[in-house]
């Protein structure tokens, strides 16, 4: 898969999307549901309900670009419970998400030990 630049702005759609949708329909979804401008140069990412498929869409100079990735066994770590319809990421975070990392984790979980030895 061709990877986006590290400095690009990425908007993840939190709600699951039907993966039968193609570029034109996803662009309409960006404008009407997410209330964003598809022509501003950002990448918009969508996942299905099982989070094993992702589609990315953006406008490049003279046309829409649509990327798709399907996982055979694992799932993408996608935000499910969020007050907003979108989550903003950097290109580097999107690349990490596509590689299977949890970019929404806020560090290590605390461990409560009772004694050292």
N, C-alpha and C. Protein backbone atom coordinates (compact mmCIF):
# COMPACT_ATOMS: atom_id res chain seq x y z
N UNK A 1 0.83 -1.17 0.00
CA UNK A 1 0.00 0.00 0.00
C UNK A 1 0.88 1.24 0.00
N UNK A 2 0.55 2.19 -0.81
CA UNK A 2 1.27 3.46 -0.83
C UNK A 2 0.90 4.23 0.43
N UNK A 3 1.89 4.71 1.13
CA UNK A 3 1.65 5.37 2.40
C UNK A 3 1.59 6.88 2.24
N UNK A 4 0.75 7.55 3.05
CA UNK A 4 0.66 9.01 3.00
C UNK A 4 1.88 9.68 3.62
N UNK A 5 2.05 10.96 3.31
CA UNK A 5 3.12 11.74 3.91
C UNK A 5 2.92 11.82 5.42
N UNK A 6 4.02 12.06 6.12
CA UNK A 6 3.96 12.12 7.58
C UNK A 6 3.26 13.38 8.08
N UNK A 7 3.29 14.46 7.28
CA UNK A 7 2.77 15.75 7.75
C UNK A 7 1.33 16.03 7.31
N UNK A 8 0.67 15.08 6.70
CA UNK A 8 -0.70 15.30 6.21
C UNK A 8 -1.69 15.16 7.37
N UNK A 9 -2.79 15.88 7.28
CA UNK A 9 -3.86 15.76 8.27
C UNK A 9 -4.79 14.63 7.87
N UNK A 10 -5.17 13.82 8.85
CA UNK A 10 -6.03 12.67 8.60
C UNK A 10 -7.25 12.77 9.51
N UNK A 11 -8.41 12.50 8.95
CA UNK A 11 -9.65 12.45 9.72
C UNK A 11 -10.21 11.05 9.63
N UNK A 12 -10.35 10.39 10.78
CA UNK A 12 -10.94 9.06 10.83
C UNK A 12 -12.43 9.20 11.13
N UNK A 13 -13.24 8.57 10.33
CA UNK A 13 -14.67 8.52 10.59
C UNK A 13 -14.89 7.44 11.65
N UNK A 14 -15.46 7.80 12.78
CA UNK A 14 -15.62 6.86 13.88
C UNK A 14 -16.69 5.81 13.58
N UNK A 15 -17.77 6.22 12.94
CA UNK A 15 -18.87 5.29 12.64
C UNK A 15 -18.47 4.32 11.53
N UNK A 16 -18.91 3.07 11.62
CA UNK A 16 -18.61 2.11 10.56
C UNK A 16 -19.29 2.51 9.25
N UNK A 17 -18.65 2.15 8.13
CA UNK A 17 -19.14 2.50 6.81
C UNK A 17 -19.24 1.23 5.97
N UNK A 18 -20.23 1.19 5.12
CA UNK A 18 -20.40 0.08 4.18
C UNK A 18 -19.25 0.13 3.17
N UNK A 19 -18.45 -0.91 3.10
CA UNK A 19 -17.27 -0.93 2.25
C UNK A 19 -17.59 -1.09 0.76
N UNK A 20 -18.86 -1.21 0.41
CA UNK A 20 -19.23 -1.21 -1.00
C UNK A 20 -19.22 0.20 -1.58
N UNK A 21 -19.15 1.20 -0.71
CA UNK A 21 -19.11 2.59 -1.17
C UNK A 21 -17.80 2.86 -1.90
N UNK A 22 -17.89 3.61 -2.98
CA UNK A 22 -16.71 3.96 -3.77
C UNK A 22 -16.37 5.43 -3.58
N UNK A 23 -15.45 5.94 -4.36
CA UNK A 23 -14.88 7.28 -4.16
C UNK A 23 -15.93 8.39 -4.13
N UNK A 24 -16.83 8.42 -5.09
CA UNK A 24 -17.82 9.50 -5.16
C UNK A 24 -18.75 9.49 -3.95
N UNK A 25 -19.19 8.30 -3.54
CA UNK A 25 -20.09 8.20 -2.40
C UNK A 25 -19.39 8.56 -1.10
N UNK A 26 -18.14 8.14 -0.95
CA UNK A 26 -17.38 8.50 0.25
C UNK A 26 -17.11 10.01 0.28
N UNK A 27 -16.86 10.62 -0.88
CA UNK A 27 -16.67 12.07 -0.93
C UNK A 27 -17.94 12.80 -0.50
N UNK A 28 -19.10 12.30 -0.91
CA UNK A 28 -20.37 12.88 -0.44
C UNK A 28 -20.53 12.71 1.06
N UNK A 29 -20.12 11.57 1.58
CA UNK A 29 -20.18 11.32 3.02
C UNK A 29 -19.30 12.31 3.77
N UNK A 30 -18.12 12.60 3.23
CA UNK A 30 -17.22 13.59 3.84
C UNK A 30 -17.90 14.95 3.91
N UNK A 31 -18.51 15.36 2.82
CA UNK A 31 -19.13 16.68 2.78
C UNK A 31 -20.43 16.77 3.58
N UNK A 32 -21.30 15.78 3.46
CA UNK A 32 -22.62 15.88 4.07
C UNK A 32 -22.66 15.42 5.52
N UNK A 33 -22.05 14.29 5.84
CA UNK A 33 -22.12 13.77 7.20
C UNK A 33 -21.02 14.32 8.10
N UNK A 34 -19.80 14.36 7.58
CA UNK A 34 -18.68 14.83 8.39
C UNK A 34 -18.51 16.35 8.35
N UNK A 35 -19.19 17.00 7.42
CA UNK A 35 -19.15 18.46 7.25
C UNK A 35 -17.72 18.98 7.06
N UNK A 36 -17.00 18.31 6.18
CA UNK A 36 -15.62 18.70 5.83
C UNK A 36 -15.54 18.92 4.34
N UNK A 37 -14.49 19.62 3.91
CA UNK A 37 -14.26 19.90 2.50
C UNK A 37 -13.29 18.87 1.94
N UNK A 38 -13.75 18.04 1.02
CA UNK A 38 -12.92 16.98 0.45
C UNK A 38 -11.72 17.55 -0.31
N UNK A 39 -11.82 18.80 -0.77
CA UNK A 39 -10.77 19.41 -1.58
C UNK A 39 -9.68 20.10 -0.76
N UNK A 40 -9.73 20.04 0.56
CA UNK A 40 -8.75 20.75 1.39
C UNK A 40 -7.40 20.06 1.52
N UNK A 41 -7.26 18.85 1.02
CA UNK A 41 -5.96 18.18 1.04
C UNK A 41 -5.77 17.19 2.17
N UNK A 42 -6.78 16.97 2.98
CA UNK A 42 -6.68 16.00 4.06
C UNK A 42 -7.07 14.61 3.56
N UNK A 43 -6.68 13.60 4.32
CA UNK A 43 -7.06 12.22 4.03
C UNK A 43 -8.20 11.84 4.96
N UNK A 44 -9.19 11.16 4.43
CA UNK A 44 -10.33 10.71 5.22
C UNK A 44 -10.32 9.19 5.24
N UNK A 45 -10.40 8.62 6.44
CA UNK A 45 -10.30 7.17 6.62
C UNK A 45 -11.61 6.61 7.13
N UNK A 46 -12.01 5.48 6.57
CA UNK A 46 -13.25 4.81 6.92
C UNK A 46 -12.96 3.34 7.17
N UNK A 47 -13.68 2.75 8.11
CA UNK A 47 -13.55 1.31 8.39
C UNK A 47 -14.94 0.68 8.42
N UNK A 48 -14.99 -0.62 8.20
CA UNK A 48 -16.26 -1.33 8.31
C UNK A 48 -16.53 -1.71 9.77
N UNK A 49 -17.66 -2.34 10.01
CA UNK A 49 -18.07 -2.66 11.38
C UNK A 49 -17.08 -3.61 12.07
N UNK A 50 -16.55 -4.58 11.35
CA UNK A 50 -15.60 -5.53 11.93
C UNK A 50 -14.19 -4.97 12.03
N UNK A 51 -13.95 -3.82 11.42
CA UNK A 51 -12.65 -3.14 11.42
C UNK A 51 -11.55 -4.01 10.80
N UNK A 52 -11.91 -4.82 9.81
CA UNK A 52 -10.90 -5.58 9.09
C UNK A 52 -10.66 -5.01 7.69
N UNK A 53 -11.38 -3.93 7.36
CA UNK A 53 -11.21 -3.24 6.07
C UNK A 53 -11.17 -1.74 6.31
N UNK A 54 -10.30 -1.09 5.56
CA UNK A 54 -10.16 0.37 5.65
C UNK A 54 -10.12 0.93 4.24
N UNK A 55 -10.78 2.08 4.07
CA UNK A 55 -10.67 2.84 2.82
C UNK A 55 -10.24 4.25 3.17
N UNK A 56 -9.28 4.76 2.39
CA UNK A 56 -8.80 6.13 2.54
C UNK A 56 -9.13 6.88 1.27
N UNK A 57 -9.58 8.12 1.41
CA UNK A 57 -9.91 8.92 0.24
C UNK A 57 -9.33 10.32 0.42
N UNK A 58 -8.82 10.88 -0.67
CA UNK A 58 -8.38 12.28 -0.66
C UNK A 58 -8.37 12.81 -2.09
N UNK A 59 -8.35 14.12 -2.18
CA UNK A 59 -8.31 14.81 -3.48
C UNK A 59 -6.87 15.11 -3.83
N UNK A 60 -6.43 14.67 -5.01
CA UNK A 60 -5.07 14.95 -5.48
C UNK A 60 -5.15 15.72 -6.79
N UNK A 61 -4.84 16.98 -6.77
CA UNK A 61 -4.80 17.91 -7.91
C UNK A 61 -5.98 17.82 -8.87
N UNK A 62 -6.21 16.67 -9.48
CA UNK A 62 -7.23 16.60 -10.52
C UNK A 62 -8.18 15.40 -10.40
N UNK A 63 -8.22 14.78 -9.23
CA UNK A 63 -9.14 13.66 -9.06
C UNK A 63 -9.08 13.06 -7.67
N UNK A 64 -10.08 12.25 -7.38
CA UNK A 64 -10.14 11.56 -6.09
C UNK A 64 -9.25 10.32 -6.11
N UNK A 65 -8.56 10.09 -5.02
CA UNK A 65 -7.74 8.88 -4.85
C UNK A 65 -8.41 8.03 -3.78
N UNK A 66 -8.56 6.75 -4.06
CA UNK A 66 -9.18 5.82 -3.12
C UNK A 66 -8.22 4.68 -2.85
N UNK A 67 -7.85 4.50 -1.58
CA UNK A 67 -7.00 3.39 -1.17
C UNK A 67 -7.86 2.43 -0.38
N UNK A 68 -7.54 1.16 -0.48
CA UNK A 68 -8.28 0.14 0.26
C UNK A 68 -7.31 -0.89 0.81
N UNK A 69 -7.56 -1.32 2.03
CA UNK A 69 -6.75 -2.39 2.63
C UNK A 69 -7.68 -3.34 3.37
N UNK A 70 -7.49 -4.64 3.13
CA UNK A 70 -8.28 -5.67 3.78
C UNK A 70 -7.34 -6.59 4.54
N UNK A 71 -7.63 -6.81 5.82
CA UNK A 71 -6.84 -7.73 6.63
C UNK A 71 -7.47 -9.12 6.58
N UNK A 72 -6.65 -10.12 6.52
CA UNK A 72 -7.15 -11.49 6.43
C UNK A 72 -7.50 -12.08 7.78
N UNK A 73 -6.73 -11.76 8.84
CA UNK A 73 -6.99 -12.35 10.15
C UNK A 73 -7.20 -11.33 11.25
N UNK A 74 -6.42 -10.28 11.29
CA UNK A 74 -6.51 -9.32 12.38
C UNK A 74 -7.54 -8.24 12.10
N UNK A 75 -7.59 -7.26 13.01
CA UNK A 75 -8.47 -6.10 12.86
C UNK A 75 -7.68 -4.83 13.13
N UNK A 76 -8.11 -3.76 12.50
CA UNK A 76 -7.52 -2.46 12.79
C UNK A 76 -8.03 -1.98 14.15
N UNK A 77 -7.19 -1.30 14.88
CA UNK A 77 -7.61 -0.75 16.17
C UNK A 77 -8.22 0.61 15.89
N UNK A 78 -9.55 0.65 15.90
CA UNK A 78 -10.32 1.82 15.47
C UNK A 78 -11.06 2.41 16.67
N UNK A 79 -11.14 3.72 16.78
CA UNK A 79 -11.90 4.28 17.91
C UNK A 79 -13.39 3.96 17.75
N UNK A 80 -14.01 3.47 18.80
CA UNK A 80 -15.42 3.12 18.73
C UNK A 80 -16.30 4.06 19.54
N UNK A 81 -15.80 4.53 20.66
CA UNK A 81 -16.60 5.37 21.53
C UNK A 81 -15.97 6.75 21.58
N UNK A 82 -16.59 7.67 20.88
CA UNK A 82 -16.06 9.01 20.77
C UNK A 82 -17.23 9.97 20.65
N UNK A 83 -17.11 11.14 21.26
CA UNK A 83 -18.20 12.10 21.20
C UNK A 83 -18.31 12.77 19.83
N UNK A 84 -17.20 12.85 19.11
CA UNK A 84 -17.20 13.45 17.78
C UNK A 84 -17.40 12.39 16.70
N UNK A 85 -17.74 12.84 15.49
CA UNK A 85 -17.88 11.92 14.37
C UNK A 85 -16.54 11.56 13.76
N UNK A 86 -15.54 12.43 13.98
CA UNK A 86 -14.20 12.18 13.43
C UNK A 86 -13.15 12.31 14.51
N UNK A 87 -12.03 11.67 14.26
CA UNK A 87 -10.85 11.79 15.11
C UNK A 87 -9.73 12.26 14.20
N UNK A 88 -8.98 13.25 14.64
CA UNK A 88 -7.90 13.80 13.83
C UNK A 88 -6.58 13.11 14.17
N UNK A 89 -5.83 12.74 13.14
CA UNK A 89 -4.53 12.09 13.30
C UNK A 89 -3.51 12.74 12.37
N UNK A 90 -2.26 12.44 12.59
CA UNK A 90 -1.20 12.84 11.66
C UNK A 90 -0.97 11.69 10.68
N UNK A 91 -0.22 11.96 9.63
CA UNK A 91 0.11 10.92 8.68
C UNK A 91 0.92 9.80 9.33
N UNK A 92 1.80 10.15 10.25
CA UNK A 92 2.60 9.15 10.96
C UNK A 92 1.71 8.24 11.80
N UNK A 93 0.71 8.82 12.47
CA UNK A 93 -0.21 8.01 13.27
C UNK A 93 -1.05 7.10 12.38
N UNK A 94 -1.46 7.60 11.23
CA UNK A 94 -2.22 6.76 10.30
C UNK A 94 -1.38 5.59 9.82
N UNK A 95 -0.12 5.83 9.50
CA UNK A 95 0.76 4.74 9.08
C UNK A 95 0.91 3.70 10.18
N UNK A 96 1.02 4.15 11.44
CA UNK A 96 1.12 3.22 12.56
C UNK A 96 -0.18 2.43 12.71
N UNK A 97 -1.32 3.08 12.55
CA UNK A 97 -2.61 2.41 12.64
C UNK A 97 -2.72 1.34 11.55
N UNK A 98 -2.30 1.66 10.33
CA UNK A 98 -2.35 0.70 9.22
C UNK A 98 -1.41 -0.47 9.45
N UNK A 99 -0.35 -0.25 10.25
CA UNK A 99 0.58 -1.33 10.59
C UNK A 99 0.11 -2.17 11.77
N UNK A 100 -1.02 -1.78 12.41
CA UNK A 100 -1.57 -2.58 13.49
C UNK A 100 -1.33 -2.05 14.88
N UNK A 101 -0.76 -0.88 15.00
CA UNK A 101 -0.50 -0.31 16.32
C UNK A 101 -1.72 0.42 16.85
N UNK A 102 -1.84 0.47 18.16
CA UNK A 102 -2.93 1.19 18.81
C UNK A 102 -2.48 2.63 19.04
N UNK A 103 -2.86 3.52 18.15
CA UNK A 103 -2.43 4.93 18.27
C UNK A 103 -3.30 5.70 19.25
N UNK A 104 -4.34 5.07 19.80
CA UNK A 104 -5.23 5.74 20.74
C UNK A 104 -4.89 5.42 22.18
N UNK A 105 -3.98 4.49 22.39
CA UNK A 105 -3.53 4.12 23.72
C UNK A 105 -2.76 5.29 24.31
N UNK A 106 -2.99 5.59 25.55
CA UNK A 106 -2.33 6.73 26.19
C UNK A 106 -1.20 6.28 27.12
N UNK A 107 -0.38 5.38 26.67
CA UNK A 107 0.75 4.93 27.49
C UNK A 107 0.47 3.59 28.13
N UNK A 108 1.39 3.18 28.98
CA UNK A 108 1.29 1.88 29.64
C UNK A 108 0.24 1.93 30.74
N UNK A 109 -0.39 0.78 30.95
CA UNK A 109 -1.34 0.68 32.05
C UNK A 109 -0.57 0.63 33.36
N UNK A 110 -1.07 1.28 34.41
CA UNK A 110 -0.37 1.25 35.70
C UNK A 110 -0.45 -0.14 36.32
N UNK A 111 0.62 -0.53 36.97
CA UNK A 111 0.67 -1.82 37.66
C UNK A 111 0.78 -1.52 39.15
N UNK A 112 -0.05 -2.13 39.94
CA UNK A 112 -0.05 -1.90 41.39
C UNK A 112 0.59 -3.11 42.09
N UNK A 113 1.87 -3.00 42.38
CA UNK A 113 2.56 -4.05 43.14
C UNK A 113 2.38 -3.79 44.63
N UNK A 114 2.37 -4.88 45.38
CA UNK A 114 2.24 -4.75 46.84
C UNK A 114 3.60 -4.83 47.53
N UNK A 115 4.55 -5.47 46.87
CA UNK A 115 5.88 -5.55 47.44
C UNK A 115 6.90 -5.84 46.33
N UNK A 116 8.15 -5.62 46.64
CA UNK A 116 9.21 -5.80 45.65
C UNK A 116 9.64 -7.25 45.57
N UNK A 117 9.79 -7.93 46.69
CA UNK A 117 10.35 -9.28 46.69
C UNK A 117 9.43 -10.36 47.05
